[in-house]
Amino acid sequence: MKRKALILSCVFMLATMSVCSASDGNQANGEKLFSDPNLSGSQNDNACIKCHPRKDEFKSLSKNKDLNKMINACITNPLAGKALENDSQEMKDLKSYILSQSK
């Protein structure tokens, strides 16, 4: 039950928080990271795609929200990994991929 609550809260954050610009991000690498169960030291063999399998989930993202916070909330909670630095290439790549799916 707690796991479902975490997943639902992560989805809620993705739907309600805004998106920062993903300049200098590589969409192809972001897609690989999105499916990587070892992303940022994940401790439980989960990947972003496990909770967010449908690309159309991101169509409701507002371009004025903070996507960095949403990504890190998912990495540190459901994935049990370490937060990414806001200016890291991994963060830029993930943002680029997610934003490409929000169109």
PDB file of N, CA and C in Angstrom:
ATOM      1  N   MET A   1       0.813  -1.186   0.000  1.00  0.00           N
ATOM      2  CA  MET A   1       0.000   0.000   0.000  1.00  0.00           C
ATOM      3  C   MET A   1       0.864   1.261   0.000  1.00  0.00           C
ATOM      4  N   LYS A   2       1.957   1.254   0.784  1.00  0.00           N
ATOM      5  CA  LYS A   2       2.841   2.419   0.814  1.00  0.00           C
ATOM      6  C   LYS A   2       3.498   2.630  -0.537  1.00  0.00           C
ATOM      7  N   ARG A   3       3.838   1.529  -1.212  1.00  0.00           N
ATOM      8  CA  ARG A   3       4.472   1.623  -2.530  1.00  0.00           C
ATOM      9  C   ARG A   3       3.527   2.289  -3.527  1.00  0.00           C
ATOM     10  N   LYS A   4       2.260   1.893  -3.480  1.00  0.00           N
ATOM     11  CA  LYS A   4       1.275   2.500  -4.379  1.00  0.00           C
ATOM     12  C   LYS A   4       1.131   3.992  -4.084  1.00  0.00           C
ATOM     13  N   ALA A   5       1.159   4.349  -2.809  1.00  0.00           N
ATOM     14  CA  ALA A   5       1.046   5.761  -2.439  1.00  0.00           C
ATOM     15  C   ALA A   5       2.241   6.544  -2.973  1.00  0.00           C
ATOM     16  N   LEU A   6       3.451   5.959  -2.878  1.00  0.00           N
ATOM     17  CA  LEU A   6       4.642   6.622  -3.414  1.00  0.00           C
ATOM     18  C   LEU A   6       4.542   6.805  -4.917  1.00  0.00           C
ATOM     19  N   ILE A   7       4.095   5.772  -5.597  1.00  0.00           N
ATOM     20  CA  ILE A   7       3.970   5.836  -7.053  1.00  0.00           C
ATOM     21  C   ILE A   7       2.932   6.889  -7.438  1.00  0.00           C
ATOM     22  N   LEU A   8       1.804   6.882  -6.754  1.00  0.00           N
ATOM     23  CA  LEU A   8       0.763   7.872  -7.053  1.00  0.00           C
ATOM     24  C   LEU A   8       1.235   9.293  -6.769  1.00  0.00           C
ATOM     25  N   SER A   9       1.986   9.468  -5.691  1.00  0.00           N
ATOM     26  CA  SER A   9       2.476  10.816  -5.408  1.00  0.00           C
ATOM     27  C   SER A   9       3.479  11.273  -6.456  1.00  0.00           C
ATOM     28  N   CYS A  10       4.285  10.345  -6.957  1.00  0.00           N
ATOM     29  CA  CYS A  10       5.245  10.680  -8.012  1.00  0.00           C
ATOM     30  C   CYS A  10       4.500  11.087  -9.295  1.00  0.00           C
ATOM     31  N   VAL A  11       3.476  10.335  -9.644  1.00  0.00           N
ATOM     32  CA  VAL A  11       2.676  10.662 -10.831  1.00  0.00           C
ATOM     33  C   VAL A  11       1.995  12.017 -10.637  1.00  0.00           C
ATOM     34  N   PHE A  12       1.488  12.256  -9.436  1.00  0.00           N
ATOM     35  CA  PHE A  12       0.853  13.542  -9.144  1.00  0.00           C
ATOM     36  C   PHE A  12       1.842  14.685  -9.326  1.00  0.00           C
ATOM     37  N   MET A  13       3.069  14.494  -8.816  1.00  0.00           N
ATOM     38  CA  MET A  13       4.078  15.540  -8.960  1.00  0.00           C
ATOM     39  C   MET A  13       4.404  15.769 -10.423  1.00  0.00           C
ATOM     40  N   LEU A  14       4.479  14.708 -11.212  1.00  0.00           N
ATOM     41  CA  LEU A  14       4.754  14.875 -12.642  1.00  0.00           C
ATOM     42  C   LEU A  14       3.637  15.663 -13.323  1.00  0.00           C
ATOM     43  N   ALA A  15       2.426  15.483 -12.858  1.00  0.00           N
ATOM     44  CA  ALA A  15       1.303  16.169 -13.484  1.00  0.00           C
ATOM     45  C   ALA A  15       1.159  17.620 -13.026  1.00  0.00           C
ATOM     46  N   THR A  16       1.624  17.922 -11.813  1.00  0.00           N
ATOM     47  CA  THR A  16       1.373  19.257 -11.281  1.00  0.00           C
ATOM     48  C   THR A  16       2.574  20.184 -11.236  1.00  0.00           C
ATOM     49  N   MET A  17       3.766  19.646 -11.232  1.00  0.00           N
ATOM     50  CA  MET A  17       4.949  20.513 -11.179  1.00  0.00           C
ATOM     51  C   MET A  17       5.349  20.928 -12.593  1.00  0.00           C
ATOM     52  N   SER A  18       6.066  22.032 -12.700  1.00  0.00           N
ATOM     53  CA  SER A  18       6.409  22.529 -14.027  1.00  0.00           C
ATOM     54  C   SER A  18       7.763  22.068 -14.516  1.00  0.00           C
ATOM     55  N   VAL A  19       8.021  22.424 -15.768  1.00  0.00           N
ATOM     56  CA  VAL A  19       9.166  21.920 -16.500  1.00  0.00           C
ATOM     57  C   VAL A  19      10.170  23.032 -16.776  1.00  0.00           C
ATOM     58  N   CYS A  20      11.434  22.734 -16.522  1.00  0.00           N
ATOM     59  CA  CYS A  20      12.509  23.666 -16.867  1.00  0.00           C
ATOM     60  C   CYS A  20      13.010  23.337 -18.270  1.00  0.00           C
ATOM     61  N   SER A  21      13.720  24.234 -18.839  1.00  0.00           N
ATOM     62  CA  SER A  21      14.318  24.009 -20.140  1.00  0.00           C
ATOM     63  C   SER A  21      15.329  22.875 -20.078  1.00  0.00           C
ATOM     64  N   ALA A  22      15.384  22.066 -21.119  1.00  0.00           N
ATOM     65  CA  ALA A  22      16.300  20.919 -21.153  1.00  0.00           C
ATOM     66  C   ALA A  22      17.392  21.156 -22.180  1.00  0.00           C
ATOM     67  N   SER A  23      17.991  22.327 -22.162  1.00  0.00           N
ATOM     68  CA  SER A  23      19.015  22.641 -23.141  1.00  0.00           C
ATOM     69  C   SER A  23      20.215  21.724 -22.975  1.00  0.00           C
ATOM     70  N   ASP A  24      20.833  21.409 -24.075  1.00  0.00           N
ATOM     71  CA  ASP A  24      22.016  20.566 -24.118  1.00  0.00           C
ATOM     72  C   ASP A  24      21.747  19.124 -23.698  1.00  0.00           C
ATOM     73  N   GLY A  25      20.507  18.716 -23.686  1.00  0.00           N
ATOM     74  CA  GLY A  25      20.182  17.334 -23.343  1.00  0.00           C
ATOM     75  C   GLY A  25      20.129  16.455 -24.575  1.00  0.00           C
ATOM     76  N   ASN A  26      20.496  15.207 -24.395  1.00  0.00           N
ATOM     77  CA  ASN A  26      20.467  14.221 -25.462  1.00  0.00           C
ATOM     78  C   ASN A  26      19.251  13.322 -25.241  1.00  0.00           C
ATOM     79  N   GLN A  27      18.246  13.433 -26.116  1.00  0.00           N
ATOM     80  CA  GLN A  27      17.008  12.678 -25.964  1.00  0.00           C
ATOM     81  C   GLN A  27      17.238  11.173 -25.989  1.00  0.00           C
ATOM     82  N   ALA A  28      18.097  10.704 -26.873  1.00  0.00           N
ATOM     83  CA  ALA A  28      18.349   9.256 -26.981  1.00  0.00           C
ATOM     84  C   ALA A  28      18.964   8.717 -25.691  1.00  0.00           C
ATOM     85  N   ASN A  29      19.928   9.450 -25.139  1.00  0.00           N
ATOM     86  CA  ASN A  29      20.528   9.010 -23.883  1.00  0.00           C
ATOM     87  C   ASN A  29      19.510   9.122 -22.745  1.00  0.00           C
ATOM     88  N   GLY A  30      18.677  10.159 -22.775  1.00  0.00           N
ATOM     89  CA  GLY A  30      17.629  10.313 -21.766  1.00  0.00           C
ATOM     90  C   GLY A  30      16.664   9.143 -21.778  1.00  0.00           C
ATOM     91  N   GLU A  31      16.336   8.647 -22.970  1.00  0.00           N
ATOM     92  CA  GLU A  31      15.446   7.485 -23.079  1.00  0.00           C
ATOM     93  C   GLU A  31      16.108   6.252 -22.478  1.00  0.00           C
ATOM     94  N   LYS A  32      17.402   6.094 -22.701  1.00  0.00           N
ATOM     95  CA  LYS A  32      18.134   4.964 -22.096  1.00  0.00           C
ATOM     96  C   LYS A  32      18.135   5.081 -20.578  1.00  0.00           C
ATOM     97  N   LEU A  33      18.394   6.285 -20.066  1.00  0.00           N
ATOM     98  CA  LEU A  33      18.397   6.498 -18.620  1.00  0.00           C
ATOM     99  C   LEU A  33      17.016   6.230 -18.022  1.00  0.00           C
ATOM    100  N   PHE A  34      15.978   6.603 -18.733  1.00  0.00           N
ATOM    101  CA  PHE A  34      14.598   6.419 -18.289  1.00  0.00           C
ATOM    102  C   PHE A  34      14.274   4.935 -18.081  1.00  0.00           C
ATOM    103  N   SER A  35      14.973   4.068 -18.811  1.00  0.00           N
ATOM    104  CA  SER A  35      14.756   2.622 -18.716  1.00  0.00           C
ATOM    105  C   SER A  35      15.832   1.906 -17.911  1.00  0.00           C
ATOM    106  N   ASP A  36      16.776   2.651 -17.358  1.00  0.00           N
ATOM    107  CA  ASP A  36      17.922   2.063 -16.655  1.00  0.00           C
ATOM    108  C   ASP A  36      17.600   1.800 -15.182  1.00  0.00           C
ATOM    109  N   PRO A  37      17.581   0.520 -14.755  1.00  0.00           N
ATOM    110  CA  PRO A  37      17.292   0.217 -13.353  1.00  0.00           C
ATOM    111  C   PRO A  37      18.433   0.603 -12.407  1.00  0.00           C
ATOM    112  N   ASN A  38      19.562   1.000 -12.938  1.00  0.00           N
ATOM    113  CA  ASN A  38      20.695   1.419 -12.112  1.00  0.00           C
ATOM    114  C   ASN A  38      20.866   2.930 -12.068  1.00  0.00           C
ATOM    115  N   LEU A  39      19.889   3.667 -12.595  1.00  0.00           N
ATOM    116  CA  LEU A  39      19.966   5.119 -12.639  1.00  0.00           C
ATOM    117  C   LEU A  39      20.249   5.695 -11.262  1.00  0.00           C
ATOM    118  N   SER A  40      21.290   6.463 -11.166  1.00  0.00           N
ATOM    119  CA  SER A  40      21.651   7.195  -9.957  1.00  0.00           C
ATOM    120  C   SER A  40      21.715   6.321  -8.704  1.00  0.00           C
ATOM    121  N   GLY A  41      22.213   5.105  -8.890  1.00  0.00           N
ATOM    122  CA  GLY A  41      22.402   4.204  -7.756  1.00  0.00           C
ATOM    123  C   GLY A  41      21.126   3.593  -7.215  1.00  0.00           C
ATOM    124  N   SER A  42      20.124   3.411  -8.061  1.00  0.00           N
ATOM    125  CA  SER A  42      18.869   2.813  -7.619  1.00  0.00           C
ATOM    126  C   SER A  42      19.144   1.532  -6.841  1.00  0.00           C
ATOM    127  N   GLN A  43      18.480   1.388  -5.729  1.00  0.00           N
ATOM    128  CA  GLN A  43      18.710   0.261  -4.836  1.00  0.00           C
ATOM    129  C   GLN A  43      17.703  -0.872  -4.989  1.00  0.00           C
ATOM    130  N   ASN A  44      16.751  -0.743  -5.902  1.00  0.00           N
ATOM    131  CA  ASN A  44      15.687  -1.749  -5.949  1.00  0.00           C
ATOM    132  C   ASN A  44      15.345  -2.263  -7.349  1.00  0.00           C
ATOM    133  N   ASP A  45      16.221  -2.114  -8.287  1.00  0.00           N
ATOM    134  CA  ASP A  45      16.019  -2.625  -9.651  1.00  0.00           C
ATOM    135  C   ASP A  45      14.791  -2.059 -10.364  1.00  0.00           C
ATOM    136  N   ASN A  46      14.327  -0.891  -9.945  1.00  0.00           N
ATOM    137  CA  ASN A  46      13.247  -0.218 -10.655  1.00  0.00           C
ATOM    138  C   ASN A  46      13.840   0.785 -11.632  1.00  0.00           C
ATOM    139  N   ALA A  47      13.046   1.191 -12.578  1.00  0.00           N
ATOM    140  CA  ALA A  47      13.426   2.225 -13.543  1.00  0.00           C
ATOM    141  C   ALA A  47      12.229   3.150 -13.713  1.00  0.00           C
ATOM    142  N   CYS A  48      12.476   4.339 -14.200  1.00  0.00           N
ATOM    143  CA  CYS A  48      11.404   5.313 -14.421  1.00  0.00           C
ATOM    144  C   CYS A  48      10.261   4.702 -15.233  1.00  0.00           C
ATOM    145  N   ILE A  49      10.630   3.930 -16.244  1.00  0.00           N
ATOM    146  CA  ILE A  49       9.627   3.374 -17.153  1.00  0.00           C
ATOM    147  C   ILE A  49       8.678   2.397 -16.466  1.00  0.00           C
ATOM    148  N   LYS A  50       9.100   1.840 -15.350  1.00  0.00           N
ATOM    149  CA  LYS A  50       8.236   0.904 -14.628  1.00  0.00           C
ATOM    150  C   LYS A  50       6.990   1.614 -14.103  1.00  0.00           C
ATOM    151  N   CYS A  51       7.154   2.832 -13.589  1.00  0.00           N
ATOM    152  CA  CYS A  51       6.010   3.602 -13.075  1.00  0.00           C
ATOM    153  C   CYS A  51       5.367   4.477 -14.146  1.00  0.00           C
ATOM    154  N   HIS A  52       6.114   4.774 -15.196  1.00  0.00           N
ATOM    155  CA  HIS A  52       5.636   5.673 -16.257  1.00  0.00           C
ATOM    156  C   HIS A  52       5.786   4.995 -17.621  1.00  0.00           C
ATOM    157  N   PRO A  53       5.033   3.900 -17.851  1.00  0.00           N
ATOM    158  CA  PRO A  53       5.204   3.148 -19.103  1.00  0.00           C
ATOM    159  C   PRO A  53       4.603   3.822 -20.334  1.00  0.00           C
ATOM    160  N   ARG A  54       3.651   4.729 -20.121  1.00  0.00           N
ATOM    161  CA  ARG A  54       2.982   5.371 -21.260  1.00  0.00           C
ATOM    162  C   ARG A  54       3.572   6.744 -21.509  1.00  0.00           C
ATOM    163  N   LYS A  55       3.988   6.958 -22.718  1.00  0.00           N
ATOM    164  CA  LYS A  55       4.601   8.243 -23.070  1.00  0.00           C
ATOM    165  C   LYS A  55       3.609   9.394 -22.970  1.00  0.00           C
ATOM    166  N   ASP A  56       2.323   9.118 -23.141  1.00  0.00           N
ATOM    167  CA  ASP A  56       1.335  10.197 -23.116  1.00  0.00           C
ATOM    168  C   ASP A  56       1.108  10.759 -21.710  1.00  0.00           C
ATOM    169  N   GLU A  57       1.692  10.137 -20.674  1.00  0.00           N
ATOM    170  CA  GLU A  57       1.586  10.659 -19.314  1.00  0.00           C
ATOM    171  C   GLU A  57       2.176  12.057 -19.198  1.00  0.00           C
ATOM    172  N   PHE A  58       3.136  12.374 -20.024  1.00  0.00           N
ATOM    173  CA  PHE A  58       3.861  13.636 -19.908  1.00  0.00           C
ATOM    174  C   PHE A  58       3.216  14.773 -20.685  1.00  0.00           C
ATOM    175  N   LYS A  59       2.142  14.499 -21.395  1.00  0.00           N
ATOM    176  CA  LYS A  59       1.507  15.547 -22.201  1.00  0.00           C
ATOM    177  C   LYS A  59       0.886  16.644 -21.357  1.00  0.00           C
ATOM    178  N   SER A  60       0.651  16.375 -20.081  1.00  0.00           N
ATOM    179  CA  SER A  60       0.037  17.388 -19.221  1.00  0.00           C
ATOM    180  C   SER A  60       1.067  18.265 -18.511  1.00  0.00           C
ATOM    181  N   LEU A  61       2.345  18.026 -18.763  1.00  0.00           N
ATOM    182  CA  LEU A  61       3.378  18.830 -18.106  1.00  0.00           C
ATOM    183  C   LEU A  61       3.319  20.271 -18.586  1.00  0.00           C
ATOM    184  N   SER A  62       3.431  21.172 -17.653  1.00  0.00           N
ATOM    185  CA  SER A  62       3.492  22.591 -17.982  1.00  0.00           C
ATOM    186  C   SER A  62       4.950  22.985 -18.146  1.00  0.00           C
ATOM    187  N   LYS A  63       5.234  23.778 -19.125  1.00  0.00           N
ATOM    188  CA  LYS A  63       6.614  24.180 -19.383  1.00  0.00           C
ATOM    189  C   LYS A  63       7.144  25.169 -18.345  1.00  0.00           C
ATOM    190  N   ASN A  64       6.314  25.591 -17.415  1.00  0.00           N
ATOM    191  CA  ASN A  64       6.741  26.539 -16.395  1.00  0.00           C
ATOM    192  C   ASN A  64       7.084  25.865 -15.065  1.00  0.00           C
ATOM    193  N   LYS A  65       7.052  24.556 -15.009  1.00  0.00           N
ATOM    194  CA  LYS A  65       7.268  23.837 -13.754  1.00  0.00           C
ATOM    195  C   LYS A  65       8.716  23.376 -13.627  1.00  0.00           C
ATOM    196  N   ASP A  66       9.078  22.919 -12.427  1.00  0.00           N
ATOM    197  CA  ASP A  66      10.445  22.508 -12.129  1.00  0.00           C
ATOM    198  C   ASP A  66      10.604  20.999 -12.304  1.00  0.00           C
ATOM    199  N   LEU A  67      10.957  20.593 -13.487  1.00  0.00           N
ATOM    200  CA  LEU A  67      11.114  19.183 -13.807  1.00  0.00           C
ATOM    201  C   LEU A  67      12.260  18.548 -13.018  1.00  0.00           C
ATOM    202  N   ASN A  68      13.283  19.310 -12.685  1.00  0.00           N
ATOM    203  CA  ASN A  68      14.396  18.774 -11.892  1.00  0.00           C
ATOM    204  C   ASN A  68      13.878  18.181 -10.581  1.00  0.00           C
ATOM    205  N   LYS A  69      13.011  18.911  -9.894  1.00  0.00           N
ATOM    206  CA  LYS A  69      12.469  18.442  -8.616  1.00  0.00           C
ATOM    207  C   LYS A  69      11.636  17.179  -8.801  1.00  0.00           C
ATOM    208  N   MET A  70      10.867  17.125  -9.869  1.00  0.00           N
ATOM    209  CA  MET A  70      10.046  15.945 -10.132  1.00  0.00           C
ATOM    210  C   MET A  70      10.919  14.729 -10.387  1.00  0.00           C
ATOM    211  N   ILE A  71      11.931  14.895 -11.218  1.00  0.00           N
ATOM    212  CA  ILE A  71      12.825  13.787 -11.532  1.00  0.00           C
ATOM    213  C   ILE A  71      13.516  13.302 -10.264  1.00  0.00           C
ATOM    214  N   ASN A  72      14.055  14.222  -9.488  1.00  0.00           N
ATOM    215  CA  ASN A  72      14.759  13.825  -8.267  1.00  0.00           C
ATOM    216  C   ASN A  72      13.833  13.219  -7.226  1.00  0.00           C
ATOM    217  N   ALA A  73      12.590  13.661  -7.162  1.00  0.00           N
ATOM    218  CA  ALA A  73      11.630  13.057  -6.236  1.00  0.00           C
ATOM    219  C   ALA A  73      11.395  11.596  -6.600  1.00  0.00           C
ATOM    220  N   CYS A  74      11.303  11.309  -7.880  1.00  0.00           N
ATOM    221  CA  CYS A  74      11.114   9.925  -8.322  1.00  0.00           C
ATOM    222  C   CYS A  74      12.384   9.094  -8.101  1.00  0.00           C
ATOM    223  N   ILE A  75      13.532   9.682  -8.356  1.00  0.00           N
ATOM    224  CA  ILE A  75      14.792   8.951  -8.174  1.00  0.00           C
ATOM    225  C   ILE A  75      15.025   8.632  -6.693  1.00  0.00           C
ATOM    226  N   THR A  76      14.790   9.593  -5.818  1.00  0.00           N
ATOM    227  CA  THR A  76      15.102   9.380  -4.404  1.00  0.00           C
ATOM    228  C   THR A  76      14.029   8.576  -3.668  1.00  0.00           C
ATOM    229  N   ASN A  77      12.793   8.577  -4.142  1.00  0.00           N
ATOM    230  CA  ASN A  77      11.729   7.838  -3.452  1.00  0.00           C
ATOM    231  C   ASN A  77      11.506   6.462  -4.072  1.00  0.00           C
ATOM    232  N   PRO A  78      10.739   6.320  -5.145  1.00  0.00           N
ATOM    233  CA  PRO A  78      10.487   4.985  -5.680  1.00  0.00           C
ATOM    234  C   PRO A  78      11.751   4.227  -6.117  1.00  0.00           C
ATOM    235  N   LEU A  79      12.737   4.929  -6.670  1.00  0.00           N
ATOM    236  CA  LEU A  79      13.944   4.239  -7.138  1.00  0.00           C
ATOM    237  C   LEU A  79      14.970   4.041  -6.026  1.00  0.00           C
ATOM    238  N   ALA A  80      14.832   4.764  -4.938  1.00  0.00           N
ATOM    239  CA  ALA A  80      15.773   4.692  -3.807  1.00  0.00           C
ATOM    240  C   ALA A  80      17.205   4.972  -4.257  1.00  0.00           C
ATOM    241  N   GLY A  81      17.350   5.966  -5.129  1.00  0.00           N
ATOM    242  CA  GLY A  81      18.673   6.358  -5.618  1.00  0.00           C
ATOM    243  C   GLY A  81      19.072   7.715  -5.059  1.00  0.00           C
ATOM    244  N   LYS A  82      20.166   8.240  -5.585  1.00  0.00           N
ATOM    245  CA  LYS A  82      20.665   9.546  -5.157  1.00  0.00           C
ATOM    246  C   LYS A  82      20.204  10.609  -6.150  1.00  0.00           C
ATOM    247  N   ALA A  83      19.812  11.755  -5.636  1.00  0.00           N
ATOM    248  CA  ALA A  83      19.352  12.858  -6.489  1.00  0.00           C
ATOM    249  C   ALA A  83      20.457  13.265  -7.460  1.00  0.00           C
ATOM    250  N   LEU A  84      20.048  13.652  -8.651  1.00  0.00           N
ATOM    251  CA  LEU A  84      20.988  14.139  -9.661  1.00  0.00           C
ATOM    252  C   LEU A  84      21.244  15.630  -9.446  1.00  0.00           C
ATOM    253  N   GLU A  85      22.434  16.071  -9.763  1.00  0.00           N
ATOM    254  CA  GLU A  85      22.732  17.506  -9.745  1.00  0.00           C
ATOM    255  C   GLU A  85      21.926  18.167 -10.860  1.00  0.00           C
ATOM    256  N   ASN A  86      21.395  19.345 -10.597  1.00  0.00           N
ATOM    257  CA  ASN A  86      20.564  20.036 -11.580  1.00  0.00           C
ATOM    258  C   ASN A  86      21.278  20.290 -12.901  1.00  0.00           C
ATOM    259  N   ASP A  87      22.580  20.515 -12.860  1.00  0.00           N
ATOM    260  CA  ASP A  87      23.318  20.818 -14.090  1.00  0.00           C
ATOM    261  C   ASP A  87      24.071  19.611 -14.649  1.00  0.00           C
ATOM    262  N   SER A  88      23.796  18.406 -14.132  1.00  0.00           N
ATOM    263  CA  SER A  88      24.476  17.206 -14.630  1.00  0.00           C
ATOM    264  C   SER A  88      23.967  16.823 -16.013  1.00  0.00           C
ATOM    265  N   GLN A  89      24.778  16.137 -16.764  1.00  0.00           N
ATOM    266  CA  GLN A  89      24.372  15.699 -18.098  1.00  0.00           C
ATOM    267  C   GLN A  89      23.216  14.712 -18.018  1.00  0.00           C
ATOM    268  N   GLU A  90      23.217  13.840 -17.006  1.00  0.00           N
ATOM    269  CA  GLU A  90      22.112  12.894 -16.849  1.00  0.00           C
ATOM    270  C   GLU A  90      20.787  13.639 -16.675  1.00  0.00           C
ATOM    271  N   MET A  91      20.785  14.682 -15.842  1.00  0.00           N
ATOM    272  CA  MET A  91      19.563  15.463 -15.627  1.00  0.00           C
ATOM    273  C   MET A  91      19.129  16.127 -16.930  1.00  0.00           C
ATOM    274  N   LYS A  92      20.059  16.718 -17.638  1.00  0.00           N
ATOM    275  CA  LYS A  92      19.733  17.370 -18.911  1.00  0.00           C
ATOM    276  C   LYS A  92      19.167  16.362 -19.907  1.00  0.00           C
ATOM    277  N   ASP A  93      19.765  15.165 -19.950  1.00  0.00           N
ATOM    278  CA  ASP A  93      19.302  14.140 -20.886  1.00  0.00           C
ATOM    279  C   ASP A  93      17.901  13.641 -20.522  1.00  0.00           C
ATOM    280  N   LEU A  94      17.664  13.373 -19.243  1.00  0.00           N
ATOM    281  CA  LEU A  94      16.337  12.942 -18.806  1.00  0.00           C
ATOM    282  C   LEU A  94      15.289  14.005 -19.104  1.00  0.00           C
ATOM    283  N   LYS A  95      15.603  15.258 -18.814  1.00  0.00           N
ATOM    284  CA  LYS A  95      14.669  16.343 -19.087  1.00  0.00           C
ATOM    285  C   LYS A  95      14.377  16.444 -20.582  1.00  0.00           C
ATOM    286  N   SER A  96      15.406  16.322 -21.383  1.00  0.00           N
ATOM    287  CA  SER A  96      15.232  16.404 -22.824  1.00  0.00           C
ATOM    288  C   SER A  96      14.288  15.305 -23.318  1.00  0.00           C
ATOM    289  N   TYR A  97      14.488  14.096 -22.821  1.00  0.00           N
ATOM    290  CA  TYR A  97      13.626  12.981 -23.228  1.00  0.00           C
ATOM    291  C   TYR A  97      12.183  13.205 -22.766  1.00  0.00           C
ATOM    292  N   ILE A  98      12.011  13.559 -21.488  1.00  0.00           N
ATOM    293  CA  ILE A  98      10.671  13.747 -20.942  1.00  0.00           C
ATOM    294  C   ILE A  98       9.943  14.876 -21.677  1.00  0.00           C
ATOM    295  N   LEU A  99      10.644  15.976 -21.927  1.00  0.00           N
ATOM    296  CA  LEU A  99      10.020  17.078 -22.651  1.00  0.00           C
ATOM    297  C   LEU A  99       9.655  16.677 -24.082  1.00  0.00           C
ATOM    298  N   SER A 100      10.458  15.818 -24.686  1.00  0.00           N
ATOM    299  CA  SER A 100      10.132  15.368 -26.048  1.00  0.00           C
ATOM    300  C   SER A 100       8.851  14.537 -26.047  1.00  0.00           C
ATOM    301  N   GLN A 101       8.541  13.894 -24.924  1.00  0.00           N
ATOM    302  CA  GLN A 101       7.342  13.086 -24.811  1.00  0.00           C
ATOM    303  C   GLN A 101       6.119  13.917 -24.417  1.00  0.00           C
ATOM    304  N   SER A 102       6.340  15.157 -24.020  1.00  0.00           N
ATOM    305  CA  SER A 102       5.222  15.993 -23.572  1.00  0.00           C
ATOM    306  C   SER A 102       4.560  16.748 -24.716  1.00  0.00           C
ATOM    307  N   LYS A 103       5.084  16.584 -25.904  1.00  0.00           N
ATOM    308  CA  LYS A 103       4.543  17.325 -27.067  1.00  0.00           C
ATOM    309  C   LYS A 103       3.411  16.585 -27.707  1.00  0.00           C
TER     310      LYS A 103
END
